[in-house]
Protein backbone atom coordinates (compact mmCIF):
# COMPACT_ATOMS: atom_id res chain seq x y z
CA UNK A 1 73.11 125.30 277.01
CA UNK A 2 70.57 123.05 274.46
CA UNK A 3 70.45 119.35 274.18
CA UNK A 4 72.64 117.01 272.47
CA UNK A 5 69.43 115.28 272.54
CA UNK A 6 68.02 117.50 270.12
CA UNK A 7 69.84 115.95 267.07
CA UNK A 8 68.97 112.04 268.35
CA UNK A 9 65.38 110.27 268.57
CA UNK A 10 64.84 106.81 270.35
CA UNK A 11 64.87 103.54 268.58
CA UNK A 12 61.07 102.49 268.30
CA UNK A 13 59.36 98.73 267.19
CA UNK A 14 55.78 97.74 266.62
CA UNK A 15 54.44 94.70 268.83
CA UNK A 16 51.00 92.90 268.04
CA UNK A 17 50.22 97.08 266.62
CA UNK A 18 52.27 98.61 269.26
CA UNK A 19 54.33 101.11 269.10
CA UNK A 20 56.81 101.03 271.91
CA UNK A 21 60.18 102.66 272.48
CA UNK A 22 63.39 100.42 271.73
CA UNK A 23 66.50 99.91 273.82
CA UNK A 24 69.19 99.00 271.67
CA UNK A 25 71.62 98.55 274.45
CA UNK A 26 69.36 96.15 277.08
CA UNK A 27 67.57 94.68 273.78
CA UNK A 28 64.19 95.50 275.29
CA UNK A 29 60.92 97.02 274.25
CA UNK A 30 59.05 99.64 276.87
CA UNK A 31 56.34 102.18 276.83
CA UNK A 32 56.44 105.21 275.80
CA UNK A 33 57.12 108.08 278.14
CA UNK A 34 58.23 111.26 277.42
CA UNK A 35 61.30 110.84 279.84
CA UNK A 36 62.53 107.36 278.16
CA UNK A 37 62.96 108.82 275.12
CA UNK A 38 65.20 111.77 276.48
CA UNK A 39 67.07 109.36 278.05
CA UNK A 40 67.63 107.17 274.72
CA UNK A 41 68.27 110.07 273.45
CA UNK A 42 71.05 111.28 275.28
CA UNK A 43 72.20 107.14 274.56
CA UNK A 44 72.22 107.99 270.94
CA UNK A 45 74.76 111.22 272.07
CA UNK A 46 76.69 109.27 274.11
CA UNK A 47 76.85 105.79 271.72
CA UNK A 48 77.19 108.12 267.77
CA UNK A 49 79.59 111.43 269.03
CA UNK A 50 80.61 111.18 271.95
CA UNK A 51 82.32 107.39 271.10
CA UNK A 52 81.03 106.32 274.34
CA UNK A 53 81.28 101.91 274.69
CA UNK A 54 77.82 100.09 274.96
CA UNK A 55 79.44 97.97 276.70
CA UNK A 56 79.90 100.59 279.30
CA UNK A 57 76.95 101.97 279.88
CA UNK A 58 74.23 100.64 282.40
CA UNK A 59 70.98 101.42 283.02
CA UNK A 60 68.67 101.35 286.20
CA UNK A 61 71.38 100.84 288.74
CA UNK A 62 69.80 100.96 292.90
CA UNK A 63 70.71 103.49 294.90
CA UNK A 64 70.10 103.04 298.61
CA UNK A 65 69.63 107.26 300.18
CA UNK A 66 69.51 107.71 303.36
CA UNK A 67 66.45 108.27 305.18
CA UNK A 68 64.64 106.52 302.62
CA UNK A 69 62.55 103.19 302.73
CA UNK A 70 63.59 101.71 299.37
CA UNK A 71 66.28 101.96 297.03
CA UNK A 72 65.80 104.40 293.78
CA UNK A 73 67.26 103.76 290.34
CA UNK A 74 70.07 106.12 288.73
CA UNK A 75 69.46 106.87 284.48
CA UNK A 76 72.59 106.29 283.28
CA UNK A 77 75.53 105.55 284.40
CA UNK A 78 78.91 105.68 281.75
CA UNK A 79 81.99 103.80 283.26
CA UNK A 80 85.67 104.18 282.58
CA UNK A 81 88.03 101.70 280.81
CA UNK A 82 88.39 100.54 284.23
CA UNK A 83 84.24 100.05 285.16
CA UNK A 84 84.50 103.07 287.33
CA UNK A 85 81.40 105.89 287.32
CA UNK A 86 82.77 108.18 284.98
CA UNK A 87 78.97 109.78 284.40
CA UNK A 88 75.64 109.92 286.68
CA UNK A 89 73.24 110.57 283.80
CA UNK A 90 69.35 112.02 285.50
CA UNK A 91 67.06 112.84 282.74
CA UNK A 92 63.55 114.57 283.08
CA UNK A 93 60.39 114.70 280.99
CA UNK A 94 60.97 118.40 277.79
CA UNK A 95 58.29 119.64 280.49
CA UNK A 96 60.07 119.41 283.40
CA UNK A 97 61.54 122.63 284.79
CA UNK A 98 65.59 121.81 285.16
CA UNK A 99 65.83 123.53 288.86
CA UNK A 100 67.21 123.33 291.78
CA UNK A 101 65.87 120.25 293.32
CA UNK A 102 66.92 117.98 290.31
CA UNK A 103 70.62 118.63 290.61
CA UNK A 104 70.46 118.24 294.56
CA UNK A 105 68.67 114.94 293.54
CA UNK A 106 71.81 114.13 291.18
CA UNK A 107 73.95 115.15 293.74
CA UNK A 108 72.42 113.08 296.06
CA UNK A 109 72.34 109.48 294.10
CA UNK A 110 76.37 110.53 293.38
CA UNK A 111 76.56 109.92 297.04
CA UNK A 112 76.65 106.30 296.45
CA UNK A 113 78.10 106.26 293.07
CA UNK A 114 80.96 108.36 292.88
CA UNK A 115 81.32 110.01 289.18
CA UNK A 116 83.12 112.54 288.90
CA UNK A 117 81.30 113.78 286.33
CA UNK A 118 76.80 114.75 286.07
CA UNK A 119 74.10 115.25 283.49
CA UNK A 120 70.68 116.39 284.27
CA UNK A 121 68.53 116.78 281.06
CA UNK A 122 64.92 117.36 279.72
CA UNK A 123 65.92 116.43 275.91
CA UNK A 124 65.62 120.55 275.61
CA UNK A 125 68.38 122.06 277.85
CA UNK A 126 71.27 120.05 278.94
CA UNK A 127 73.44 120.71 282.51
CA UNK A 128 76.71 119.12 283.02
CA UNK A 129 78.32 119.44 286.23
CA UNK A 130 82.27 117.71 287.87
CA UNK A 131 81.93 116.95 291.52
CA UNK A 132 85.70 117.15 292.87
CA UNK A 133 87.05 117.45 296.71
CA UNK A 134 82.77 116.73 298.00
CA UNK A 135 81.87 119.61 296.10
CA UNK A 136 79.50 119.89 292.80
CA UNK A 137 81.04 122.79 289.77
CA UNK A 138 78.72 123.59 286.51
CA UNK A 139 80.30 122.77 284.04
CA UNK A 140 80.81 126.33 281.25
CA UNK A 141 80.75 123.63 278.23
CA UNK A 142 80.75 119.55 277.50
CA UNK A 143 83.72 117.92 279.28
CA UNK A 144 86.00 116.72 276.94
CA UNK A 145 85.45 113.03 277.83
CA UNK A 146 81.87 113.57 276.25
CA UNK A 147 82.79 116.30 273.54
CA UNK A 148 81.14 114.93 270.22
CA UNK A 149 83.82 113.07 268.33
CA UNK A 150 81.60 112.12 265.37
CA UNK A 151 78.35 112.44 264.02
CA UNK A 152 74.89 110.26 262.97
CA UNK A 153 75.25 108.79 259.66
CA UNK A 154 71.32 109.97 258.51
CA UNK A 155 70.67 106.81 256.05
CA UNK A 156 67.44 105.59 255.39
CA UNK A 157 67.88 102.43 258.31
CA UNK A 158 69.01 105.24 260.63
CA UNK A 159 65.46 107.09 259.26
CA UNK A 160 63.23 103.36 260.57
CA UNK A 161 64.96 102.41 263.24
CA UNK A 162 63.36 105.30 264.73
CA UNK A 163 59.74 104.99 262.94
CA UNK A 164 60.36 107.61 260.52
CA UNK A 165 60.20 105.25 257.23
CA UNK A 166 58.28 102.16 257.29
CA UNK A 167 60.18 98.64 256.39
CA UNK A 168 58.09 98.53 253.34
CA UNK A 169 58.25 101.64 251.46
CA UNK A 170 57.73 101.67 247.91
CA UNK A 171 60.99 101.94 246.34
CA UNK A 172 60.71 104.47 243.78
CA UNK A 173 60.41 106.75 247.66
CA UNK A 174 63.09 105.67 249.76
CA UNK A 175 65.49 107.45 249.25
CA UNK A 176 63.13 111.07 248.37
CA UNK A 177 61.82 109.96 252.39
CA UNK A 178 65.53 109.54 253.63
CA UNK A 179 66.28 112.89 252.47
CA UNK A 180 62.75 114.55 253.83
CA UNK A 181 63.84 113.15 257.53
CA UNK A 182 67.29 114.68 257.00
CA UNK A 183 66.32 118.02 256.48
CA UNK A 184 63.36 118.30 258.54
CA UNK A 185 64.36 116.32 261.19
CA UNK A 186 68.08 116.32 260.96
CA UNK A 187 68.99 119.00 262.28
CA UNK A 188 69.73 120.30 266.29
CA UNK A 189 68.53 123.72 266.23
CA UNK A 190 64.78 123.19 264.32
CA UNK A 191 62.13 123.23 266.61
CA UNK A 192 60.83 119.73 266.71
CA UNK A 193 58.23 118.26 269.44
CA UNK A 194 56.53 115.05 270.10
CA UNK A 195 52.69 114.62 269.95
CA UNK A 196 51.01 112.14 270.95
CA UNK A 197 47.01 111.59 269.44
CA UNK A 198 44.89 109.52 271.34
CA UNK A 199 41.56 107.02 269.66
CA UNK A 200 42.87 107.07 266.50
CA UNK A 201 43.83 103.97 264.19
CA UNK A 202 47.24 102.79 264.37
CA UNK A 203 47.60 102.41 260.60
CA UNK A 204 47.67 106.63 261.05
CA UNK A 205 51.30 106.62 262.97
CA UNK A 206 50.12 110.35 263.82
CA UNK A 207 51.66 110.11 267.40
CA UNK A 208 55.76 111.12 266.28
CA UNK A 209 57.80 113.68 266.41
CA UNK A 210 57.22 116.75 264.05
CA UNK A 211 58.66 119.76 263.14
CA UNK A 212 56.60 122.75 263.92
CA UNK A 213 55.95 125.47 261.51
CA UNK A 214 55.45 128.66 262.37
CA UNK A 215 52.31 130.56 260.48
CA UNK A 216 50.46 133.51 259.71
CA UNK A 217 47.59 134.51 261.67
CA UNK A 218 48.75 133.11 264.99
CA UNK A 219 48.72 129.47 263.29
CA UNK A 220 51.46 126.50 263.42
CA UNK A 221 51.25 123.64 260.88
CA UNK A 222 53.32 120.60 262.48
CA UNK A 223 54.78 118.02 259.67
CA UNK A 224 55.96 114.42 260.46
CA UNK A 225 56.76 111.65 258.67
CA UNK A 226 56.15 108.14 260.42
CA UNK A 227 55.57 104.42 259.93
CA UNK A 228 52.60 102.63 260.55
CA UNK A 229 52.71 99.03 262.27
CA UNK A 230 52.21 97.54 258.92
CA UNK A 231 55.34 98.64 256.84
CA UNK A 232 53.73 102.07 255.44
CA UNK A 233 55.62 105.00 255.43
CA UNK A 234 52.63 108.21 256.95
CA UNK A 235 53.16 111.99 255.75
CA UNK A 236 50.67 113.89 258.72
CA UNK A 237 50.37 117.34 259.66
CA UNK A 238 48.32 119.73 261.55
CA UNK A 239 47.21 122.39 262.17
CA UNK A 240 47.18 125.09 265.77
CA UNK A 241 45.60 128.12 265.24
CA UNK A 242 45.31 130.18 268.63
CA UNK A 243 46.80 127.23 270.61
CA UNK A 244 44.40 124.52 269.55
CA UNK A 245 44.54 121.66 267.01
CA UNK A 246 41.80 122.40 264.41
CA UNK A 247 42.83 120.11 261.58
CA UNK A 248 45.22 117.57 260.94
CA UNK A 249 45.93 115.13 257.84
CA UNK A 250 47.32 111.91 257.05
CA UNK A 251 48.58 110.52 253.45
CA UNK A 252 49.80 107.30 252.86
CA UNK A 253 52.73 107.33 251.31
CA UNK A 254 53.26 103.74 249.44
CA UNK A 255 49.44 104.49 247.52
CA UNK A 256 50.40 107.96 246.78
CA UNK A 257 53.69 106.49 244.97
CA UNK A 258 51.32 104.39 243.40
CA UNK A 259 49.00 106.82 242.42
CA UNK A 260 46.07 105.38 244.04
CA UNK A 261 43.44 107.41 245.53
CA UNK A 262 41.97 108.54 247.66
CA UNK A 263 45.27 108.49 249.91
CA UNK A 264 44.53 111.31 252.35
CA UNK A 265 41.97 111.71 255.36
CA UNK A 266 41.38 115.19 256.53
CA UNK A 267 39.76 115.38 260.56
CA UNK A 268 38.12 118.09 261.25
CA UNK A 269 35.52 119.64 263.34
CA UNK A 270 33.18 118.95 259.90
CA UNK A 271 34.24 115.14 260.04
CA UNK A 272 36.53 113.07 257.89
CA UNK A 273 37.00 114.11 254.51
CA UNK A 274 39.27 111.26 251.52
CA UNK A 275 40.55 113.06 248.79
CA UNK A 276 44.13 113.16 247.06
CA UNK A 277 46.78 115.16 248.09
CA UNK A 278 48.80 115.62 244.75
CA UNK A 279 45.53 117.21 243.96
CA UNK A 280 44.67 119.67 246.18
CA UNK A 281 48.24 121.25 247.23
CA UNK A 282 51.63 121.09 245.50
CA UNK A 283 53.00 117.91 246.31
CA UNK A 284 55.28 115.83 244.56
CA UNK A 285 57.87 113.87 245.14
CA UNK A 286 60.79 115.87 243.62
CA UNK A 287 60.24 118.95 246.21
CA UNK A 288 60.95 119.41 249.44
CA UNK A 289 58.08 119.10 252.27
CA UNK A 290 58.72 122.43 253.73
CA UNK A 291 57.76 123.75 250.70
CA UNK A 292 54.60 122.81 250.35
CA UNK A 293 53.37 124.05 253.64
CA UNK A 294 51.60 126.97 252.41
CA UNK A 295 49.24 124.88 250.55
CA UNK A 296 49.23 122.50 253.08
CA UNK A 297 47.64 124.79 255.32
CA UNK A 298 45.64 126.54 252.70
CA UNK A 299 44.24 122.77 252.71
CA UNK A 300 43.59 122.59 256.17
CA UNK A 301 41.87 125.68 256.70
CA UNK A 302 39.83 125.08 254.32
CA UNK A 303 38.21 121.94 256.59
CA UNK A 304 39.05 123.35 260.04
């Protein structure tokens, strides 16, 4: 089944200009790794929708398996009210296929943990199992104990904690950015992908979640709203043609709101071009971002 992580995003924090994942239960930062993003998104689902208490979730619990020279570690264990293991979770990166090998791995871990429910997830798909009488059975739906009972409040703080909106947005655009984040990233069925960009200034905040829009002629546009280390908010977009990224733009939304020019950089094989986004596209702070995709595509095609 589609993963419950799809409608959730991990929290981030900036430390000395570096963007790091934030574990709200351990109160610690971690280097951004795909499987860690999946794990923290699932924790959001468990705590915000399934109403699992944060005090009944543990991470990296050691398990010593027969034949192993060193201890392995579990990703997540949820406990019941008597603090007995209730759910064992194994997280994989989104590009890792969930196969029999992953199922065998979590079943081996559970020989030591003894949880009645198991979950394997790569952030795209979830596979639930029930362990009973030394046998493991696939669950056709989410077990009752972990069914959604609530939903996240997509207020501005939610998006700030997840580094979509900077901590210092221009006051007149805070509500606009909150609404656009909800529209672009607040639905589980939306095609969203975390994209990495190495070698660019952290001010651009390029590495983040992008909503992917299919376009004509075997092209795609990825669009993101992301916070930078200095409290600003960026609008970033990338043009992909025939499987290759050919151009991207980054816009300071704070500068755009203050009518400062230029506010946008376009990077492509032609070099770097600086311009005013509002004069070259249909963008304004009263229109939904999805509606300006055609004009963004045309702009990036010009420089690709």
